[in-house]
Amino acid sequence: MKKFMAVFIGTAEARERSGWDKLDDAKRKAREAQGMKAWMDWATAHASVIVDGGGPLGKTKRTSWNGVSDIKNNMAGYTIVKAETHEAAAKLFENHPHFTIFPGDSVEIMECLPIPGQ
């Protein structure tokens, strides 16, 4: 089986569309609890193909030829799964709680390729 990294994407537009910030505290906490239960249920259902459960991602720094700087991107979290094909890996995330309950935008799935020459 091949390995695939799934990156959970969160955008300001998706957050706005979800109405997340308009929820009162009690409703937001209830939705968070519902979302975490659904996420854990998803992880349990797919435990046999999860290589690394990953987790949320924090603030980003970029290091380049001109040093280190603070930047922003839309990556909110990650997980690594195994699947026979790229399509099969992508299908694992259909209707995922990241964007069906939480205000996430999408999940981007890419194959973890072998290092050339090894």
N, C-alpha and C. Protein backbone atom coordinates (compact mmCIF):
# COMPACT_ATOMS: atom_id res chain seq x y z
N MET A 1 0.83 -1.18 0.00
CA MET A 1 0.00 0.00 0.00
C MET A 1 0.87 1.25 0.00
N LYS A 2 0.35 2.29 -0.55
CA LYS A 2 1.04 3.58 -0.60
C LYS A 2 0.63 4.42 0.60
N LYS A 3 1.46 5.40 0.95
CA LYS A 3 1.13 6.33 2.02
C LYS A 3 0.69 7.66 1.41
N PHE A 4 -0.27 8.29 2.09
CA PHE A 4 -0.80 9.57 1.64
C PHE A 4 -0.92 10.51 2.83
N MET A 5 -0.52 11.76 2.62
CA MET A 5 -0.72 12.78 3.62
C MET A 5 -1.99 13.54 3.29
N ALA A 6 -2.84 13.66 4.27
CA ALA A 6 -4.06 14.45 4.13
C ALA A 6 -3.87 15.73 4.94
N VAL A 7 -4.02 16.87 4.29
CA VAL A 7 -3.88 18.15 4.95
C VAL A 7 -5.26 18.79 5.03
N PHE A 8 -5.67 19.10 6.25
CA PHE A 8 -6.97 19.72 6.48
C PHE A 8 -6.83 21.22 6.26
N ILE A 9 -7.65 21.75 5.37
CA ILE A 9 -7.58 23.14 4.97
C ILE A 9 -8.71 23.93 5.63
N GLY A 10 -8.37 25.07 6.18
CA GLY A 10 -9.36 25.96 6.75
C GLY A 10 -9.18 27.35 6.17
N THR A 11 -10.25 27.91 5.64
CA THR A 11 -10.17 29.25 5.07
C THR A 11 -11.16 30.18 5.78
N ALA A 12 -10.88 31.46 5.69
CA ALA A 12 -11.79 32.45 6.26
C ALA A 12 -13.17 32.35 5.60
N GLU A 13 -13.19 32.07 4.30
CA GLU A 13 -14.45 31.95 3.58
C GLU A 13 -15.28 30.77 4.10
N ALA A 14 -14.63 29.65 4.35
CA ALA A 14 -15.35 28.47 4.86
C ALA A 14 -15.87 28.75 6.27
N ARG A 15 -15.07 29.41 7.07
CA ARG A 15 -15.51 29.74 8.43
C ARG A 15 -16.72 30.66 8.37
N GLU A 16 -16.68 31.66 7.51
CA GLU A 16 -17.81 32.58 7.34
C GLU A 16 -19.05 31.83 6.86
N ARG A 17 -18.88 30.99 5.85
CA ARG A 17 -19.99 30.23 5.27
C ARG A 17 -20.65 29.33 6.31
N SER A 18 -19.86 28.79 7.22
CA SER A 18 -20.38 27.87 8.23
C SER A 18 -21.21 28.56 9.31
N GLY A 19 -21.00 29.86 9.46
CA GLY A 19 -21.68 30.59 10.53
C GLY A 19 -21.10 30.31 11.90
N TRP A 20 -19.93 29.68 11.94
CA TRP A 20 -19.30 29.26 13.19
C TRP A 20 -19.17 30.42 14.18
N ASP A 21 -18.72 31.56 13.71
CA ASP A 21 -18.48 32.70 14.60
C ASP A 21 -19.76 33.38 15.07
N LYS A 22 -20.87 33.04 14.48
CA LYS A 22 -22.16 33.62 14.88
C LYS A 22 -22.87 32.76 15.91
N LEU A 23 -22.32 31.56 16.18
CA LEU A 23 -22.92 30.69 17.19
C LEU A 23 -22.63 31.24 18.58
N ASP A 24 -23.61 31.12 19.48
CA ASP A 24 -23.31 31.50 20.86
C ASP A 24 -22.43 30.42 21.47
N ASP A 25 -21.85 30.72 22.62
CA ASP A 25 -20.88 29.81 23.23
C ASP A 25 -21.45 28.41 23.44
N ALA A 26 -22.66 28.31 23.93
CA ALA A 26 -23.26 26.99 24.20
C ALA A 26 -23.42 26.19 22.91
N LYS A 27 -23.88 26.82 21.85
CA LYS A 27 -24.06 26.12 20.57
C LYS A 27 -22.71 25.73 19.97
N ARG A 28 -21.72 26.61 20.09
CA ARG A 28 -20.39 26.29 19.56
C ARG A 28 -19.78 25.11 20.32
N LYS A 29 -19.90 25.11 21.64
CA LYS A 29 -19.36 24.01 22.44
C LYS A 29 -20.09 22.70 22.11
N ALA A 30 -21.39 22.77 21.89
CA ALA A 30 -22.14 21.57 21.52
C ALA A 30 -21.69 21.06 20.16
N ARG A 31 -21.48 21.98 19.22
CA ARG A 31 -21.02 21.56 17.89
C ARG A 31 -19.60 21.02 17.95
N GLU A 32 -18.75 21.62 18.78
CA GLU A 32 -17.39 21.10 18.95
C GLU A 32 -17.42 19.67 19.49
N ALA A 33 -18.27 19.43 20.49
CA ALA A 33 -18.39 18.09 21.06
C ALA A 33 -18.90 17.10 20.01
N GLN A 34 -19.91 17.52 19.25
CA GLN A 34 -20.45 16.67 18.17
C GLN A 34 -19.36 16.39 17.14
N GLY A 35 -18.60 17.43 16.79
CA GLY A 35 -17.54 17.28 15.79
C GLY A 35 -16.42 16.37 16.27
N MET A 36 -16.02 16.51 17.53
CA MET A 36 -14.94 15.66 18.05
C MET A 36 -15.39 14.21 18.13
N LYS A 37 -16.65 13.98 18.51
CA LYS A 37 -17.15 12.60 18.54
C LYS A 37 -17.16 12.02 17.13
N ALA A 38 -17.64 12.80 16.17
CA ALA A 38 -17.69 12.33 14.79
C ALA A 38 -16.28 12.07 14.26
N TRP A 39 -15.32 12.93 14.61
CA TRP A 39 -13.93 12.77 14.16
C TRP A 39 -13.33 11.50 14.76
N MET A 40 -13.56 11.27 16.05
CA MET A 40 -13.04 10.06 16.69
C MET A 40 -13.72 8.81 16.13
N ASP A 41 -15.00 8.91 15.82
CA ASP A 41 -15.70 7.79 15.18
C ASP A 41 -15.10 7.50 13.80
N TRP A 42 -14.78 8.58 13.05
CA TRP A 42 -14.14 8.42 11.74
C TRP A 42 -12.79 7.73 11.93
N ALA A 43 -12.01 8.17 12.91
CA ALA A 43 -10.68 7.59 13.15
C ALA A 43 -10.80 6.12 13.56
N THR A 44 -11.77 5.79 14.36
CA THR A 44 -11.98 4.40 14.76
C THR A 44 -12.36 3.54 13.55
N ALA A 45 -13.25 4.06 12.72
CA ALA A 45 -13.69 3.32 11.53
C ALA A 45 -12.55 3.11 10.54
N HIS A 46 -11.57 3.98 10.54
CA HIS A 46 -10.46 3.91 9.58
C HIS A 46 -9.13 3.55 10.25
N ALA A 47 -9.18 3.04 11.47
CA ALA A 47 -7.96 2.76 12.23
C ALA A 47 -6.99 1.85 11.48
N SER A 48 -7.51 0.93 10.69
CA SER A 48 -6.63 -0.01 9.99
C SER A 48 -5.80 0.65 8.89
N VAL A 49 -6.18 1.85 8.44
CA VAL A 49 -5.42 2.51 7.38
C VAL A 49 -4.75 3.81 7.84
N ILE A 50 -4.93 4.17 9.09
CA ILE A 50 -4.28 5.38 9.60
C ILE A 50 -2.87 5.02 10.05
N VAL A 51 -1.89 5.65 9.41
CA VAL A 51 -0.48 5.43 9.72
C VAL A 51 -0.04 6.36 10.84
N ASP A 52 -0.49 7.61 10.77
CA ASP A 52 -0.18 8.62 11.78
C ASP A 52 -1.43 9.48 11.91
N GLY A 53 -2.02 9.49 13.09
CA GLY A 53 -3.25 10.25 13.30
C GLY A 53 -3.07 11.74 13.17
N GLY A 54 -1.83 12.21 13.22
CA GLY A 54 -1.56 13.63 13.03
C GLY A 54 -2.18 14.47 14.12
N GLY A 55 -2.65 15.65 13.75
CA GLY A 55 -3.26 16.56 14.70
C GLY A 55 -3.35 17.95 14.14
N PRO A 56 -3.79 18.88 14.97
CA PRO A 56 -3.90 20.27 14.53
C PRO A 56 -2.52 20.87 14.29
N LEU A 57 -2.47 21.88 13.45
CA LEU A 57 -1.23 22.59 13.16
C LEU A 57 -1.30 24.00 13.74
N GLY A 58 -0.19 24.47 14.27
CA GLY A 58 -0.13 25.80 14.86
C GLY A 58 0.35 26.85 13.87
N LYS A 59 0.82 27.94 14.42
CA LYS A 59 1.31 29.05 13.60
C LYS A 59 2.48 28.60 12.74
N THR A 60 2.69 29.31 11.64
CA THR A 60 3.70 28.91 10.65
C THR A 60 4.85 29.91 10.59
N LYS A 61 6.05 29.38 10.48
CA LYS A 61 7.24 30.17 10.17
C LYS A 61 7.81 29.65 8.86
N ARG A 62 8.36 30.53 8.08
CA ARG A 62 9.01 30.16 6.83
C ARG A 62 10.50 30.46 6.96
N THR A 63 11.31 29.50 6.56
CA THR A 63 12.75 29.69 6.51
C THR A 63 13.17 29.64 5.05
N SER A 64 13.87 30.65 4.60
CA SER A 64 14.33 30.72 3.22
C SER A 64 15.70 31.37 3.17
N TRP A 65 16.18 31.67 1.97
CA TRP A 65 17.49 32.26 1.78
C TRP A 65 17.64 33.57 2.54
N ASN A 66 16.51 34.27 2.81
CA ASN A 66 16.62 35.55 3.49
C ASN A 66 16.22 35.48 4.97
N GLY A 67 16.23 34.27 5.54
CA GLY A 67 16.00 34.14 6.97
C GLY A 67 14.65 33.52 7.32
N VAL A 68 14.22 33.81 8.54
CA VAL A 68 13.00 33.25 9.10
C VAL A 68 11.95 34.35 9.21
N SER A 69 10.72 34.02 8.81
CA SER A 69 9.64 34.99 8.91
C SER A 69 8.35 34.28 9.32
N ASP A 70 7.44 35.05 9.90
CA ASP A 70 6.11 34.54 10.23
C ASP A 70 5.23 34.68 9.01
N ILE A 71 4.47 33.62 8.70
CA ILE A 71 3.54 33.66 7.57
C ILE A 71 2.23 33.02 7.98
N LYS A 72 1.25 33.13 7.12
CA LYS A 72 -0.04 32.46 7.32
C LYS A 72 -0.29 31.57 6.12
N ASN A 73 -0.94 30.45 6.37
CA ASN A 73 -1.41 29.58 5.30
C ASN A 73 -2.74 28.99 5.75
N ASN A 74 -3.33 28.16 4.93
CA ASN A 74 -4.64 27.61 5.24
C ASN A 74 -4.59 26.19 5.81
N MET A 75 -3.39 25.70 6.14
CA MET A 75 -3.28 24.35 6.68
C MET A 75 -3.69 24.35 8.16
N ALA A 76 -4.64 23.48 8.50
CA ALA A 76 -5.17 23.44 9.86
C ALA A 76 -4.77 22.17 10.60
N GLY A 77 -4.44 21.10 9.89
CA GLY A 77 -4.09 19.84 10.53
C GLY A 77 -3.67 18.84 9.47
N TYR A 78 -3.29 17.64 9.94
CA TYR A 78 -2.87 16.61 8.99
C TYR A 78 -3.11 15.23 9.58
N THR A 79 -3.11 14.24 8.73
CA THR A 79 -3.06 12.84 9.11
C THR A 79 -2.41 12.09 7.95
N ILE A 80 -1.89 10.93 8.22
CA ILE A 80 -1.29 10.10 7.17
C ILE A 80 -2.01 8.77 7.14
N VAL A 81 -2.43 8.38 5.95
CA VAL A 81 -3.16 7.12 5.77
C VAL A 81 -2.45 6.27 4.73
N LYS A 82 -2.85 5.00 4.67
CA LYS A 82 -2.36 4.13 3.60
C LYS A 82 -3.55 3.67 2.79
N ALA A 83 -3.33 3.53 1.49
CA ALA A 83 -4.39 3.11 0.58
C ALA A 83 -3.74 2.54 -0.68
N GLU A 84 -4.51 1.78 -1.43
CA GLU A 84 -4.01 1.19 -2.68
C GLU A 84 -3.80 2.25 -3.75
N THR A 85 -4.69 3.25 -3.79
CA THR A 85 -4.62 4.27 -4.84
C THR A 85 -4.87 5.66 -4.24
N HIS A 86 -4.50 6.66 -5.00
CA HIS A 86 -4.76 8.05 -4.61
C HIS A 86 -6.26 8.28 -4.46
N GLU A 87 -7.02 7.77 -5.41
CA GLU A 87 -8.49 7.90 -5.38
C GLU A 87 -9.06 7.26 -4.11
N ALA A 88 -8.58 6.07 -3.76
CA ALA A 88 -9.07 5.39 -2.57
C ALA A 88 -8.73 6.20 -1.31
N ALA A 89 -7.55 6.78 -1.28
CA ALA A 89 -7.16 7.62 -0.14
C ALA A 89 -8.08 8.83 -0.04
N ALA A 90 -8.36 9.46 -1.16
CA ALA A 90 -9.23 10.64 -1.16
C ALA A 90 -10.64 10.29 -0.69
N LYS A 91 -11.14 9.15 -1.10
CA LYS A 91 -12.48 8.74 -0.72
C LYS A 91 -12.63 8.52 0.79
N LEU A 92 -11.53 8.24 1.47
CA LEU A 92 -11.59 8.08 2.93
C LEU A 92 -12.10 9.34 3.62
N PHE A 93 -11.92 10.48 2.97
CA PHE A 93 -12.25 11.77 3.59
C PHE A 93 -13.57 12.37 3.11
N GLU A 94 -14.31 11.62 2.30
CA GLU A 94 -15.63 12.11 1.87
C GLU A 94 -16.51 12.30 3.11
N ASN A 95 -17.20 13.41 3.17
CA ASN A 95 -18.11 13.74 4.27
C ASN A 95 -17.42 13.76 5.64
N HIS A 96 -16.16 14.13 5.66
CA HIS A 96 -15.38 14.18 6.90
C HIS A 96 -15.91 15.31 7.81
N PRO A 97 -15.89 15.10 9.13
CA PRO A 97 -16.36 16.13 10.07
C PRO A 97 -15.61 17.46 9.96
N HIS A 98 -14.40 17.45 9.42
CA HIS A 98 -13.63 18.69 9.27
C HIS A 98 -14.45 19.75 8.53
N PHE A 99 -15.22 19.33 7.53
CA PHE A 99 -16.00 20.30 6.78
C PHE A 99 -17.51 20.06 6.83
N THR A 100 -17.96 18.98 7.46
CA THR A 100 -19.40 18.77 7.59
C THR A 100 -19.94 19.25 8.93
N ILE A 101 -19.08 19.32 9.94
CA ILE A 101 -19.49 19.81 11.26
C ILE A 101 -18.66 21.02 11.66
N PHE A 102 -17.33 20.88 11.56
CA PHE A 102 -16.45 22.00 11.85
C PHE A 102 -16.44 22.96 10.66
N PRO A 103 -15.91 24.17 10.83
CA PRO A 103 -15.93 25.14 9.74
C PRO A 103 -14.76 24.99 8.76
N GLY A 104 -14.24 23.77 8.61
CA GLY A 104 -13.14 23.55 7.67
C GLY A 104 -13.59 23.66 6.23
N ASP A 105 -12.65 23.87 5.36
CA ASP A 105 -12.94 24.04 3.93
C ASP A 105 -12.86 22.72 3.17
N SER A 106 -11.77 21.98 3.36
CA SER A 106 -11.54 20.78 2.54
C SER A 106 -10.40 19.97 3.14
N VAL A 107 -10.14 18.83 2.50
CA VAL A 107 -8.98 18.01 2.86
C VAL A 107 -8.23 17.75 1.56
N GLU A 108 -6.95 18.08 1.53
CA GLU A 108 -6.12 17.85 0.35
C GLU A 108 -5.26 16.62 0.62
N ILE A 109 -5.28 15.68 -0.32
CA ILE A 109 -4.60 14.40 -0.14
C ILE A 109 -3.51 14.27 -1.19
N MET A 110 -2.29 13.98 -0.72
CA MET A 110 -1.18 13.81 -1.65
C MET A 110 -0.37 12.58 -1.27
N GLU A 111 0.15 11.91 -2.28
CA GLU A 111 0.95 10.71 -2.03
C GLU A 111 2.30 11.10 -1.44
N CYS A 112 2.76 10.31 -0.47
CA CYS A 112 4.10 10.46 0.10
C CYS A 112 5.02 9.61 -0.77
N LEU A 113 5.79 10.27 -1.61
CA LEU A 113 6.64 9.56 -2.59
C LEU A 113 7.95 9.13 -1.95
N PRO A 114 8.55 8.08 -2.50
CA PRO A 114 9.86 7.65 -1.99
C PRO A 114 10.93 8.68 -2.36
N ILE A 115 11.97 8.74 -1.55
CA ILE A 115 13.09 9.62 -1.85
C ILE A 115 13.83 9.03 -3.04
N PRO A 116 14.11 9.82 -4.08
CA PRO A 116 14.81 9.30 -5.26
C PRO A 116 16.16 8.70 -4.90
N GLY A 117 16.47 7.59 -5.51
CA GLY A 117 17.75 6.94 -5.31
C GLY A 117 17.82 6.02 -4.11
N GLN A 118 16.73 5.88 -3.40
CA GLN A 118 16.75 5.00 -2.23
C GLN A 118 15.87 3.79 -2.43
